[in-house]
């Protein structure tokens, strides 16, 4: 009898020990806080679904979309005549070799292939957003005339800047080319988008664009003009042929040593006129980009053709 009672006691103790082990296994899955209280490990501040949402939001906040790697910039120009702003409705004295008095009638030009020099000496292409008016496909039209004075009939809108995007960093120079790229030069302007839909800048008889158009009148009624574009071309663009031009006349300009986004680029209109008589006869200065025209060699020299440096543009300091 005694043996039977001892057996029952031992059996009870064994069952009790097994029950304690099971409870310990279950409690091991619980997270205890500093006070020894149970905490749901799926809940930092809410349900498992809320925790997952919070995690996704944190990931979104840490995503770098690259926008901070670039910045918007502007490169600004001013047209000057003997250090005075060159604009419509103003008479300018002491122009040309004979000191004539002149007034502008139109001044516009295209530029393309725009690059800036960074602090490492590398040249970086400027990304030019299409604005629907002044720039598209890497081409910019700079327009300095408005509807006043002898420029009557022009629009009041002008454009004296390049608007672009570049990588973050310091920059010490800018370079670009005058005119329109070859692949864009012989399009039908009436089917083109701005700024290539400008009829004033299309050279119909040359089947291409005027890269630069500067015209003015002297008080003596003598008229002068400078039209720059590709010349000595063969082929018929209107028939779909590719034009091949002996003289592309896309003069390059490069200015270094200054921050191009903080320093104006000065256009020296008076330099174009210095070697010429402007106030006598029916025509003063006439250059339509042909090598045989007597007034063109001096214009080409100002634009940088030959051994000398161009004097048409410089930093305005």
C-alpha atoms as a PDB file:
ATOM      1  CA  UNK A   1       0.000   0.000   0.000  1.00  0.00           C
ATOM      2  CA  UNK A   2       2.795   2.321   0.907  1.00  0.00           C
ATOM      3  CA  UNK A   3       4.573   1.473  -2.321  1.00  0.00           C
ATOM      4  CA  UNK A   4       1.457   2.378  -4.286  1.00  0.00           C
ATOM      5  CA  UNK A   5       1.123   5.794  -2.583  1.00  0.00           C
ATOM      6  CA  UNK A   6       4.774   6.607  -3.269  1.00  0.00           C
ATOM      7  CA  UNK A   7       4.257   5.747  -6.927  1.00  0.00           C
ATOM      8  CA  UNK A   8       1.251   8.094  -7.154  1.00  0.00           C
ATOM      9  CA  UNK A   9       3.236  10.956  -5.560  1.00  0.00           C
ATOM     10  CA  UNK A  10       6.139  10.499  -7.989  1.00  0.00           C
ATOM     11  CA  UNK A  11       3.753  10.457 -10.940  1.00  0.00           C
ATOM     12  CA  UNK A  12       2.162  13.725  -9.793  1.00  0.00           C
ATOM     13  CA  UNK A  13       5.521  15.432  -9.442  1.00  0.00           C
ATOM     14  CA  UNK A  14       6.497  14.383 -12.958  1.00  0.00           C
ATOM     15  CA  UNK A  15       3.300  15.789 -14.482  1.00  0.00           C
ATOM     16  CA  UNK A  16       3.784  19.073 -12.618  1.00  0.00           C
ATOM     17  CA  UNK A  17       7.333  19.471 -13.981  1.00  0.00           C
ATOM     18  CA  UNK A  18       6.170  18.874 -17.550  1.00  0.00           C
ATOM     19  CA  UNK A  19       3.468  21.533 -17.179  1.00  0.00           C
ATOM     20  CA  UNK A  20       6.061  24.106 -16.016  1.00  0.00           C
ATOM     21  CA  UNK A  21       8.269  23.373 -19.072  1.00  0.00           C
ATOM     22  CA  UNK A  22       5.373  24.008 -21.473  1.00  0.00           C
ATOM     23  CA  UNK A  23       4.570  27.361 -19.835  1.00  0.00           C
ATOM     24  CA  UNK A  24       8.195  28.422 -20.021  1.00  0.00           C
ATOM     25  CA  UNK A  25       8.330  27.581 -23.767  1.00  0.00           C
ATOM     26  CA  UNK A  26       5.230  29.690 -24.472  1.00  0.00           C
ATOM     27  CA  UNK A  27       6.417  32.656 -22.443  1.00  0.00           C
ATOM     28  CA  UNK A  28       9.780  32.657 -24.239  1.00  0.00           C
ATOM     29  CA  UNK A  29       8.009  34.059 -27.349  1.00  0.00           C
ATOM     30  CA  UNK A  30       6.895  37.139 -25.398  1.00  0.00           C
ATOM     31  CA  UNK A  31       8.981  40.336 -25.224  1.00  0.00           C
ATOM     32  CA  UNK A  32       9.384  41.865 -21.789  1.00  0.00           C
ATOM     33  CA  UNK A  33       9.862  45.565 -21.259  1.00  0.00           C
ATOM     34  CA  UNK A  34      12.114  47.156 -18.637  1.00  0.00           C
ATOM     35  CA  UNK A  35       9.430  46.697 -15.958  1.00  0.00           C
ATOM     36  CA  UNK A  36       8.984  43.025 -16.731  1.00  0.00           C
ATOM     37  CA  UNK A  37       5.690  43.569 -18.557  1.00  0.00           C
ATOM     38  CA  UNK A  38       4.704  41.692 -21.716  1.00  0.00           C
ATOM     39  CA  UNK A  39       4.991  43.687 -24.960  1.00  0.00           C
ATOM     40  CA  UNK A  40       3.630  42.675 -28.374  1.00  0.00           C
ATOM     41  CA  UNK A  41       6.810  42.418 -30.476  1.00  0.00           C
ATOM     42  CA  UNK A  42       4.902  43.213 -33.666  1.00  0.00           C
ATOM     43  CA  UNK A  43       3.778  46.551 -32.295  1.00  0.00           C
ATOM     44  CA  UNK A  44       6.197  49.423 -31.937  1.00  0.00           C
ATOM     45  CA  UNK A  45       3.286  51.847 -31.687  1.00  0.00           C
ATOM     46  CA  UNK A  46       0.368  50.109 -33.352  1.00  0.00           C
ATOM     47  CA  UNK A  47      -0.800  47.078 -35.292  1.00  0.00           C
ATOM     48  CA  UNK A  48       1.425  45.008 -37.617  1.00  0.00           C
ATOM     49  CA  UNK A  49      -0.230  46.770 -40.566  1.00  0.00           C
ATOM     50  CA  UNK A  50       0.649  50.184 -39.116  1.00  0.00           C
ATOM     51  CA  UNK A  51       4.223  49.088 -38.481  1.00  0.00           C
ATOM     52  CA  UNK A  52       4.583  48.011 -42.133  1.00  0.00           C
ATOM     53  CA  UNK A  53       3.166  51.343 -43.338  1.00  0.00           C
ATOM     54  CA  UNK A  54       5.577  53.289 -41.118  1.00  0.00           C
ATOM     55  CA  UNK A  55       8.484  51.291 -42.503  1.00  0.00           C
ATOM     56  CA  UNK A  56       7.452  52.089 -46.093  1.00  0.00           C
ATOM     57  CA  UNK A  57       7.174  55.793 -45.260  1.00  0.00           C
ATOM     58  CA  UNK A  58      10.642  55.811 -43.740  1.00  0.00           C
ATOM     59  CA  UNK A  59      12.042  54.194 -46.868  1.00  0.00           C
ATOM     60  CA  UNK A  60      10.337  56.803 -49.060  1.00  0.00           C
ATOM     61  CA  UNK A  61      11.873  59.612 -47.004  1.00  0.00           C
ATOM     62  CA  UNK A  62      15.341  58.186 -47.560  1.00  0.00           C
ATOM     63  CA  UNK A  63      15.026  57.790 -51.349  1.00  0.00           C
ATOM     64  CA  UNK A  64      17.341  60.195 -53.262  1.00  0.00           C
ATOM     65  CA  UNK A  65      15.701  61.256 -56.536  1.00  0.00           C
ATOM     66  CA  UNK A  66      18.862  63.012 -57.716  1.00  0.00           C
ATOM     67  CA  UNK A  67      17.281  66.489 -57.789  1.00  0.00           C
ATOM     68  CA  UNK A  68      19.845  67.881 -55.370  1.00  0.00           C
ATOM     69  CA  UNK A  69      22.653  66.917 -57.772  1.00  0.00           C
ATOM     70  CA  UNK A  70      21.625  69.614 -60.287  1.00  0.00           C
ATOM     71  CA  UNK A  71      20.668  73.261 -60.271  1.00  0.00           C
ATOM     72  CA  UNK A  72      18.910  75.774 -62.515  1.00  0.00           C
ATOM     73  CA  UNK A  73      21.164  78.450 -64.009  1.00  0.00           C
ATOM     74  CA  UNK A  74      21.006  81.515 -66.227  1.00  0.00           C
ATOM     75  CA  UNK A  75      23.692  83.001 -68.455  1.00  0.00           C
ATOM     76  CA  UNK A  76      22.895  86.639 -69.230  1.00  0.00           C
ATOM     77  CA  UNK A  77      23.962  88.944 -72.064  1.00  0.00           C
ATOM     78  CA  UNK A  78      23.946  92.700 -72.629  1.00  0.00           C
ATOM     79  CA  UNK A  79      24.447  94.452 -75.954  1.00  0.00           C
ATOM     80  CA  UNK A  80      26.580  97.588 -75.726  1.00  0.00           C
ATOM     81  CA  UNK A  81      27.611 100.361 -78.063  1.00  0.00           C
ATOM     82  CA  UNK A  82      30.566 102.354 -76.757  1.00  0.00           C
ATOM     83  CA  UNK A  83      29.645 101.126 -73.254  1.00  0.00           C
ATOM     84  CA  UNK A  84      26.004 102.259 -73.566  1.00  0.00           C
ATOM     85  CA  UNK A  85      23.138  99.761 -73.753  1.00  0.00           C
ATOM     86  CA  UNK A  86      22.373  99.027 -77.411  1.00  0.00           C
ATOM     87  CA  UNK A  87      18.603  99.101 -77.912  1.00  0.00           C
ATOM     88  CA  UNK A  88      15.901 100.264 -80.252  1.00  0.00           C
ATOM     89  CA  UNK A  89      14.706 103.865 -80.073  1.00  0.00           C
ATOM     90  CA  UNK A  90      18.142 105.302 -79.251  1.00  0.00           C
ATOM     91  CA  UNK A  91      20.577 107.204 -81.478  1.00  0.00           C
ATOM     92  CA  UNK A  92      24.268 106.384 -81.029  1.00  0.00           C
ATOM     93  CA  UNK A  93      27.007 108.856 -81.869  1.00  0.00           C
ATOM     94  CA  UNK A  94      30.540 108.270 -83.079  1.00  0.00           C
ATOM     95  CA  UNK A  95      29.748 105.079 -84.958  1.00  0.00           C
ATOM     96  CA  UNK A  96      32.184 103.659 -87.462  1.00  0.00           C
ATOM     97  CA  UNK A  97      35.234 105.258 -88.998  1.00  0.00           C
ATOM     98  CA  UNK A  98      33.390 108.458 -89.952  1.00  0.00           C
ATOM     99  CA  UNK A  99      31.713 108.991 -86.546  1.00  0.00           C
ATOM    100  CA  UNK A 100      28.174 108.647 -87.857  1.00  0.00           C
ATOM    101  CA  UNK A 101      24.991 108.794 -85.783  1.00  0.00           C
ATOM    102  CA  UNK A 102      23.018 105.538 -86.068  1.00  0.00           C
ATOM    103  CA  UNK A 103      19.867 103.901 -84.697  1.00  0.00           C
ATOM    104  CA  UNK A 104      19.247 100.108 -84.710  1.00  0.00           C
ATOM    105  CA  UNK A 105      16.385  98.463 -86.572  1.00  0.00           C
ATOM    106  CA  UNK A 106      16.992  94.791 -85.623  1.00  0.00           C
ATOM    107  CA  UNK A 107      19.518  92.768 -83.638  1.00  0.00           C
ATOM    108  CA  UNK A 108      19.085  89.024 -83.066  1.00  0.00           C
ATOM    109  CA  UNK A 109      21.305  85.933 -83.224  1.00  0.00           C
ATOM    110  CA  UNK A 110      21.246  82.181 -82.575  1.00  0.00           C
ATOM    111  CA  UNK A 111      23.700  80.165 -80.478  1.00  0.00           C
ATOM    112  CA  UNK A 112      24.068  76.424 -79.799  1.00  0.00           C
ATOM    113  CA  UNK A 113      26.472  73.793 -78.364  1.00  0.00           C
ATOM    114  CA  UNK A 114      26.508  75.598 -75.014  1.00  0.00           C
ATOM    115  CA  UNK A 115      28.964  74.252 -72.420  1.00  0.00           C
ATOM    116  CA  UNK A 116      30.372  75.477 -69.103  1.00  0.00           C
ATOM    117  CA  UNK A 117      33.769  74.779 -67.558  1.00  0.00           C
ATOM    118  CA  UNK A 118      33.824  73.344 -64.041  1.00  0.00           C
ATOM    119  CA  UNK A 119      36.501  73.827 -61.376  1.00  0.00           C
ATOM    120  CA  UNK A 120      38.313  70.685 -62.597  1.00  0.00           C
ATOM    121  CA  UNK A 121      38.707  72.112 -66.092  1.00  0.00           C
ATOM    122  CA  UNK A 122      36.103  69.813 -67.657  1.00  0.00           C
ATOM    123  CA  UNK A 123      33.543  71.179 -70.103  1.00  0.00           C
ATOM    124  CA  UNK A 124      29.956  70.212 -69.252  1.00  0.00           C
ATOM    125  CA  UNK A 125      27.046  70.487 -71.686  1.00  0.00           C
ATOM    126  CA  UNK A 126      24.230  72.718 -70.420  1.00  0.00           C
ATOM    127  CA  UNK A 127      20.829  71.026 -70.473  1.00  0.00           C
ATOM    128  CA  UNK A 128      18.460  73.503 -72.162  1.00  0.00           C
ATOM    129  CA  UNK A 129      14.774  72.894 -71.411  1.00  0.00           C
ATOM    130  CA  UNK A 130      12.414  73.738 -74.280  1.00  0.00           C
ATOM    131  CA  UNK A 131      10.475  76.872 -73.334  1.00  0.00           C
ATOM    132  CA  UNK A 132       8.303  77.120 -76.451  1.00  0.00           C
ATOM    133  CA  UNK A 133       9.615  80.592 -77.360  1.00  0.00           C
ATOM    134  CA  UNK A 134      13.373  81.165 -77.186  1.00  0.00           C
ATOM    135  CA  UNK A 135      15.045  77.786 -76.903  1.00  0.00           C
ATOM    136  CA  UNK A 136      14.525  74.252 -78.159  1.00  0.00           C
ATOM    137  CA  UNK A 137      16.714  71.258 -79.029  1.00  0.00           C
ATOM    138  CA  UNK A 138      19.833  72.972 -77.701  1.00  0.00           C
ATOM    139  CA  UNK A 139      19.337  76.149 -79.783  1.00  0.00           C
ATOM    140  CA  UNK A 140      18.782  79.592 -78.222  1.00  0.00           C
ATOM    141  CA  UNK A 141      17.613  82.779 -79.933  1.00  0.00           C
ATOM    142  CA  UNK A 142      18.904  85.977 -78.309  1.00  0.00           C
ATOM    143  CA  UNK A 143      16.733  88.975 -79.244  1.00  0.00           C
ATOM    144  CA  UNK A 144      17.678  92.574 -78.369  1.00  0.00           C
ATOM    145  CA  UNK A 145      15.116  94.556 -80.378  1.00  0.00           C
ATOM    146  CA  UNK A 146      11.629  95.679 -79.408  1.00  0.00           C
ATOM    147  CA  UNK A 147       8.715  97.580 -80.923  1.00  0.00           C
ATOM    148  CA  UNK A 148      10.002 101.147 -80.648  1.00  0.00           C
ATOM    149  CA  UNK A 149      11.920 103.690 -82.707  1.00  0.00           C
ATOM    150  CA  UNK A 150      13.146 102.335 -86.037  1.00  0.00           C
ATOM    151  CA  UNK A 151      12.337  98.820 -84.768  1.00  0.00           C
ATOM    152  CA  UNK A 152       8.643  99.580 -85.206  1.00  0.00           C
ATOM    153  CA  UNK A 153       6.791  96.398 -86.127  1.00  0.00           C
ATOM    154  CA  UNK A 154       8.880  94.149 -83.895  1.00  0.00           C
ATOM    155  CA  UNK A 155       7.383  92.516 -80.820  1.00  0.00           C
ATOM    156  CA  UNK A 156       7.983  93.950 -77.363  1.00  0.00           C
ATOM    157  CA  UNK A 157       9.465  90.655 -76.213  1.00  0.00           C
ATOM    158  CA  UNK A 158      13.229  90.342 -75.894  1.00  0.00           C
ATOM    159  CA  UNK A 159      15.495  87.538 -74.714  1.00  0.00           C
ATOM    160  CA  UNK A 160      18.911  88.242 -73.232  1.00  0.00           C
ATOM    161  CA  UNK A 161      19.646  84.993 -71.404  1.00  0.00           C
ATOM    162  CA  UNK A 162      20.209  81.278 -71.577  1.00  0.00           C
ATOM    163  CA  UNK A 163      18.176  79.223 -69.088  1.00  0.00           C
ATOM    164  CA  UNK A 164      19.559  75.778 -68.322  1.00  0.00           C
ATOM    165  CA  UNK A 165      20.393  73.015 -65.861  1.00  0.00           C
ATOM    166  CA  UNK A 166      23.886  71.896 -64.790  1.00  0.00           C
ATOM    167  CA  UNK A 167      25.342  69.591 -62.129  1.00  0.00           C
ATOM    168  CA  UNK A 168      26.088  71.176 -58.765  1.00  0.00           C
ATOM    169  CA  UNK A 169      29.545  72.686 -58.465  1.00  0.00           C
ATOM    170  CA  UNK A 170      31.657  75.725 -59.238  1.00  0.00           C
ATOM    171  CA  UNK A 171      32.127  76.965 -62.804  1.00  0.00           C
ATOM    172  CA  UNK A 172      34.677  79.312 -64.345  1.00  0.00           C
ATOM    173  CA  UNK A 173      33.856  79.559 -68.039  1.00  0.00           C
ATOM    174  CA  UNK A 174      31.380  79.202 -70.890  1.00  0.00           C
ATOM    175  CA  UNK A 175      31.630  78.416 -74.576  1.00  0.00           C
ATOM    176  CA  UNK A 176      29.163  78.136 -77.456  1.00  0.00           C
ATOM    177  CA  UNK A 177      28.859  78.500 -81.216  1.00  0.00           C
ATOM    178  CA  UNK A 178      27.134  81.150 -83.267  1.00  0.00           C
ATOM    179  CA  UNK A 179      24.219  80.049 -85.408  1.00  0.00           C
ATOM    180  CA  UNK A 180      22.200  76.898 -85.987  1.00  0.00           C
ATOM    181  CA  UNK A 181      23.577  73.317 -86.232  1.00  0.00           C
ATOM    182  CA  UNK A 182      23.975  71.999 -89.759  1.00  0.00           C
ATOM    183  CA  UNK A 183      21.208  69.417 -89.332  1.00  0.00           C
ATOM    184  CA  UNK A 184      18.734  72.181 -88.393  1.00  0.00           C
ATOM    185  CA  UNK A 185      19.855  74.899 -90.777  1.00  0.00           C
ATOM    186  CA  UNK A 186      17.969  73.955 -93.920  1.00  0.00           C
ATOM    187  CA  UNK A 187      14.510  73.235 -92.535  1.00  0.00           C
ATOM    188  CA  UNK A 188      11.294  74.871 -93.660  1.00  0.00           C
ATOM    189  CA  UNK A 189      10.900  77.619 -91.061  1.00  0.00           C
ATOM    190  CA  UNK A 190       7.116  77.698 -91.596  1.00  0.00           C
ATOM    191  CA  UNK A 191       6.922  74.090 -90.342  1.00  0.00           C
ATOM    192  CA  UNK A 192       9.446  74.544 -87.534  1.00  0.00           C
ATOM    193  CA  UNK A 193       8.824  75.239 -83.868  1.00  0.00           C
ATOM    194  CA  UNK A 194      10.116  78.252 -81.960  1.00  0.00           C
ATOM    195  CA  UNK A 195      12.714  79.622 -82.063  1.00  0.00           C
ATOM    196  CA  UNK A 196      13.294  78.330 -85.614  1.00  0.00           C
ATOM    197  CA  UNK A 197       9.907  79.577 -86.840  1.00  0.00           C
ATOM    198  CA  UNK A 198      11.191  83.155 -86.973  1.00  0.00           C
ATOM    199  CA  UNK A 199      10.724  84.444 -90.532  1.00  0.00           C
ATOM    200  CA  UNK A 200      12.977  87.441 -89.812  1.00  0.00           C
ATOM    201  CA  UNK A 201      15.899  85.082 -89.276  1.00  0.00           C
ATOM    202  CA  UNK A 202      15.314  82.841 -92.290  1.00  0.00           C
ATOM    203  CA  UNK A 203      17.469  83.437 -95.355  1.00  0.00           C
ATOM    204  CA  UNK A 204      15.194  82.303 -98.158  1.00  0.00           C
ATOM    205  CA  UNK A 205      17.594  82.728-101.059  1.00  0.00           C
ATOM    206  CA  UNK A 206      20.321  80.892 -99.093  1.00  0.00           C
ATOM    207  CA  UNK A 207      17.893  78.109 -98.050  1.00  0.00           C
ATOM    208  CA  UNK A 208      18.989  78.456 -94.434  1.00  0.00           C
ATOM    209  CA  UNK A 209      18.948  80.684 -91.375  1.00  0.00           C
ATOM    210  CA  UNK A 210      20.591  83.974 -90.689  1.00  0.00           C
ATOM    211  CA  UNK A 211      22.724  83.118 -87.683  1.00  0.00           C
ATOM    212  CA  UNK A 212      23.061  86.783 -86.824  1.00  0.00           C
ATOM    213  CA  UNK A 213      21.097  89.771 -88.069  1.00  0.00           C
ATOM    214  CA  UNK A 214      22.183  93.312 -87.242  1.00  0.00           C
ATOM    215  CA  UNK A 215      20.727  96.273 -89.131  1.00  0.00           C
ATOM    216  CA  UNK A 216      20.775  99.997 -88.416  1.00  0.00           C
ATOM    217  CA  UNK A 217      20.195 103.318 -90.117  1.00  0.00           C
ATOM    218  CA  UNK A 218      22.316 106.461 -89.992  1.00  0.00           C
ATOM    219  CA  UNK A 219      20.680 109.851 -89.564  1.00  0.00           C
ATOM    220  CA  UNK A 220      21.754 110.534 -93.152  1.00  0.00           C
ATOM    221  CA  UNK A 221      19.323 107.710 -94.189  1.00  0.00           C
ATOM    222  CA  UNK A 222      22.262 105.463 -95.022  1.00  0.00           C
ATOM    223  CA  UNK A 223      21.303 101.857 -94.251  1.00  0.00           C
ATOM    224  CA  UNK A 224      23.747  99.194 -93.015  1.00  0.00           C
ATOM    225  CA  UNK A 225      23.359  95.485 -92.399  1.00  0.00           C
ATOM    226  CA  UNK A 226      25.301  92.438 -91.232  1.00  0.00           C
ATOM    227  CA  UNK A 227      23.777  89.033 -91.965  1.00  0.00           C
ATOM    228  CA  UNK A 228      25.784  86.002 -90.928  1.00  0.00           C
ATOM    229  CA  UNK A 229      25.030  82.462 -92.078  1.00  0.00           C
ATOM    230  CA  UNK A 230      26.441  79.495 -93.987  1.00  0.00           C
ATOM    231  CA  UNK A 231      27.614  80.417 -97.503  1.00  0.00           C
ATOM    232  CA  UNK A 232      29.029  78.894-100.694  1.00  0.00           C
ATOM    233  CA  UNK A 233      26.593  75.998-100.322  1.00  0.00           C
ATOM    234  CA  UNK A 234      25.653  73.357-102.863  1.00  0.00           C
ATOM    235  CA  UNK A 235      22.486  71.284-103.003  1.00  0.00           C
ATOM    236  CA  UNK A 236      18.794  72.107-102.909  1.00  0.00           C
ATOM    237  CA  UNK A 237      17.307  71.895 -99.430  1.00  0.00           C
ATOM    238  CA  UNK A 238      13.818  72.587-100.776  1.00  0.00           C
ATOM    239  CA  UNK A 239      14.127  69.405-102.866  1.00  0.00           C
ATOM    240  CA  UNK A 240      15.204  67.414 -99.818  1.00  0.00           C
ATOM    241  CA  UNK A 241      18.913  67.459-100.618  1.00  0.00           C
ATOM    242  CA  UNK A 242      21.602  67.817 -97.953  1.00  0.00           C
ATOM    243  CA  UNK A 243      23.342  71.183 -98.202  1.00  0.00           C
ATOM    244  CA  UNK A 244      27.132  71.205 -98.216  1.00  0.00           C
ATOM    245  CA  UNK A 245      28.579  74.618 -97.314  1.00  0.00           C
ATOM    246  CA  UNK A 246      32.199  75.613 -97.832  1.00  0.00           C
ATOM    247  CA  UNK A 247      31.898  78.316 -95.171  1.00  0.00           C
ATOM    248  CA  UNK A 248      29.706  77.168 -92.244  1.00  0.00           C
ATOM    249  CA  UNK A 249      30.408  80.447 -90.357  1.00  0.00           C
ATOM    250  CA  UNK A 250      29.480  78.944 -86.983  1.00  0.00           C
ATOM    251  CA  UNK A 251      32.037  80.974 -85.096  1.00  0.00           C
ATOM    252  CA  UNK A 252      32.997  79.616 -81.651  1.00  0.00           C
ATOM    253  CA  UNK A 253      33.157  81.816 -78.544  1.00  0.00           C
ATOM    254  CA  UNK A 254      34.906  80.897 -75.309  1.00  0.00           C
ATOM    255  CA  UNK A 255      35.128  83.007 -72.158  1.00  0.00           C
ATOM    256  CA  UNK A 256      36.969  81.765 -69.070  1.00  0.00           C
ATOM    257  CA  UNK A 257      38.111  82.985 -65.682  1.00  0.00           C
ATOM    258  CA  UNK A 258      34.715  84.115 -64.343  1.00  0.00           C
ATOM    259  CA  UNK A 259      31.547  82.557 -62.972  1.00  0.00           C
ATOM    260  CA  UNK A 260      29.280  82.450 -66.051  1.00  0.00           C
ATOM    261  CA  UNK A 261      26.146  82.467 -63.892  1.00  0.00           C
ATOM    262  CA  UNK A 262      27.125  85.611 -61.994  1.00  0.00           C
ATOM    263  CA  UNK A 263      28.899  87.642 -64.705  1.00  0.00           C
ATOM    264  CA  UNK A 264      27.219  89.294 -67.690  1.00  0.00           C
ATOM    265  CA  UNK A 265      28.508  88.594 -71.179  1.00  0.00           C
ATOM    266  CA  UNK A 266      29.034  91.879 -72.985  1.00  0.00           C
ATOM    267  CA  UNK A 267      28.367  92.089 -76.744  1.00  0.00           C
ATOM    268  CA  UNK A 268      30.431  94.839 -78.360  1.00  0.00           C
ATOM    269  CA  UNK A 269      28.259  95.958 -81.261  1.00  0.00           C
ATOM    270  CA  UNK A 270      30.513  98.973 -81.924  1.00  0.00           C
ATOM    271  CA  UNK A 271      33.423  96.619 -82.721  1.00  0.00           C
ATOM    272  CA  UNK A 272      31.557  95.429 -85.810  1.00  0.00           C
ATOM    273  CA  UNK A 273      31.359  98.960 -87.188  1.00  0.00           C
ATOM    274  CA  UNK A 274      34.732 100.516 -86.370  1.00  0.00           C
ATOM    275  CA  UNK A 275      36.548 100.050 -89.721  1.00  0.00           C
ATOM    276  CA  UNK A 276      33.624 101.264 -91.866  1.00  0.00           C
ATOM    277  CA  UNK A 277      32.096 104.504 -93.123  1.00  0.00           C
ATOM    278  CA  UNK A 278      28.436 104.462 -92.129  1.00  0.00           C
ATOM    279  CA  UNK A 279      27.034 107.915 -92.823  1.00  0.00           C
ATOM    280  CA  UNK A 280      27.569 108.501 -96.523  1.00  0.00           C
ATOM    281  CA  UNK A 281      26.004 107.098 -99.683  1.00  0.00           C
ATOM    282  CA  UNK A 282      22.915 104.903 -99.951  1.00  0.00           C
ATOM    283  CA  UNK A 283      24.555 101.994 -98.185  1.00  0.00           C
ATOM    284  CA  UNK A 284      27.061 102.047 -95.376  1.00  0.00           C
ATOM    285  CA  UNK A 285      28.287  98.687 -94.130  1.00  0.00           C
ATOM    286  CA  UNK A 286      26.973  95.674 -96.055  1.00  0.00           C
ATOM    287  CA  UNK A 287      28.080  92.134 -95.229  1.00  0.00           C
ATOM    288  CA  UNK A 288      26.039  89.051 -96.053  1.00  0.00           C
ATOM    289  CA  UNK A 289      28.717  86.565 -95.022  1.00  0.00           C
ATOM    290  CA  UNK A 290      30.294  86.224 -98.461  1.00  0.00           C
ATOM    291  CA  UNK A 291      34.085  86.174 -98.741  1.00  0.00           C
ATOM    292  CA  UNK A 292      34.057  88.397-101.832  1.00  0.00           C
ATOM    293  CA  UNK A 293      32.151  91.262-100.176  1.00  0.00           C
ATOM    294  CA  UNK A 294      34.586  94.086 -99.301  1.00  0.00           C
ATOM    295  CA  UNK A 295      33.055  94.822 -95.872  1.00  0.00           C
ATOM    296  CA  UNK A 296      33.024  91.191 -94.654  1.00  0.00           C
ATOM    297  CA  UNK A 297      36.711  90.528 -93.817  1.00  0.00           C
ATOM    298  CA  UNK A 298      36.638  93.060 -90.954  1.00  0.00           C
ATOM    299  CA  UNK A 299      33.392  91.547 -89.647  1.00  0.00           C
ATOM    300  CA  UNK A 300      34.877  88.052 -89.760  1.00  0.00           C
ATOM    301  CA  UNK A 301      37.902  89.303 -87.852  1.00  0.00           C
ATOM    302  CA  UNK A 302      35.722  90.698 -85.059  1.00  0.00           C
ATOM    303  CA  UNK A 303      33.997  87.290 -84.871  1.00  0.00           C
ATOM    304  CA  UNK A 304      37.347  85.543 -84.506  1.00  0.00           C
ATOM    305  CA  UNK A 305      38.294  84.370 -87.962  1.00  0.00           C
ATOM    306  CA  UNK A 306      42.013  84.393 -88.666  1.00  0.00           C
ATOM    307  CA  UNK A 307      44.928  84.512 -86.249  1.00  0.00           C
ATOM    308  CA  UNK A 308      43.514  87.122 -83.863  1.00  0.00           C
ATOM    309  CA  UNK A 309      41.044  86.627 -81.000  1.00  0.00           C
ATOM    310  CA  UNK A 310      37.402  87.595 -81.355  1.00  0.00           C
ATOM    311  CA  UNK A 311      36.407  90.978 -79.892  1.00  0.00           C
ATOM    312  CA  UNK A 312      32.625  90.620 -80.287  1.00  0.00           C
ATOM    313  CA  UNK A 313      32.022  89.237 -76.757  1.00  0.00           C
ATOM    314  CA  UNK A 314      33.732  89.559 -73.388  1.00  0.00           C
ATOM    315  CA  UNK A 315      32.948  89.477 -69.675  1.00  0.00           C
ATOM    316  CA  UNK A 316      31.248  92.651 -68.418  1.00  0.00           C
ATOM    317  CA  UNK A 317      33.385  93.436 -65.350  1.00  0.00           C
END
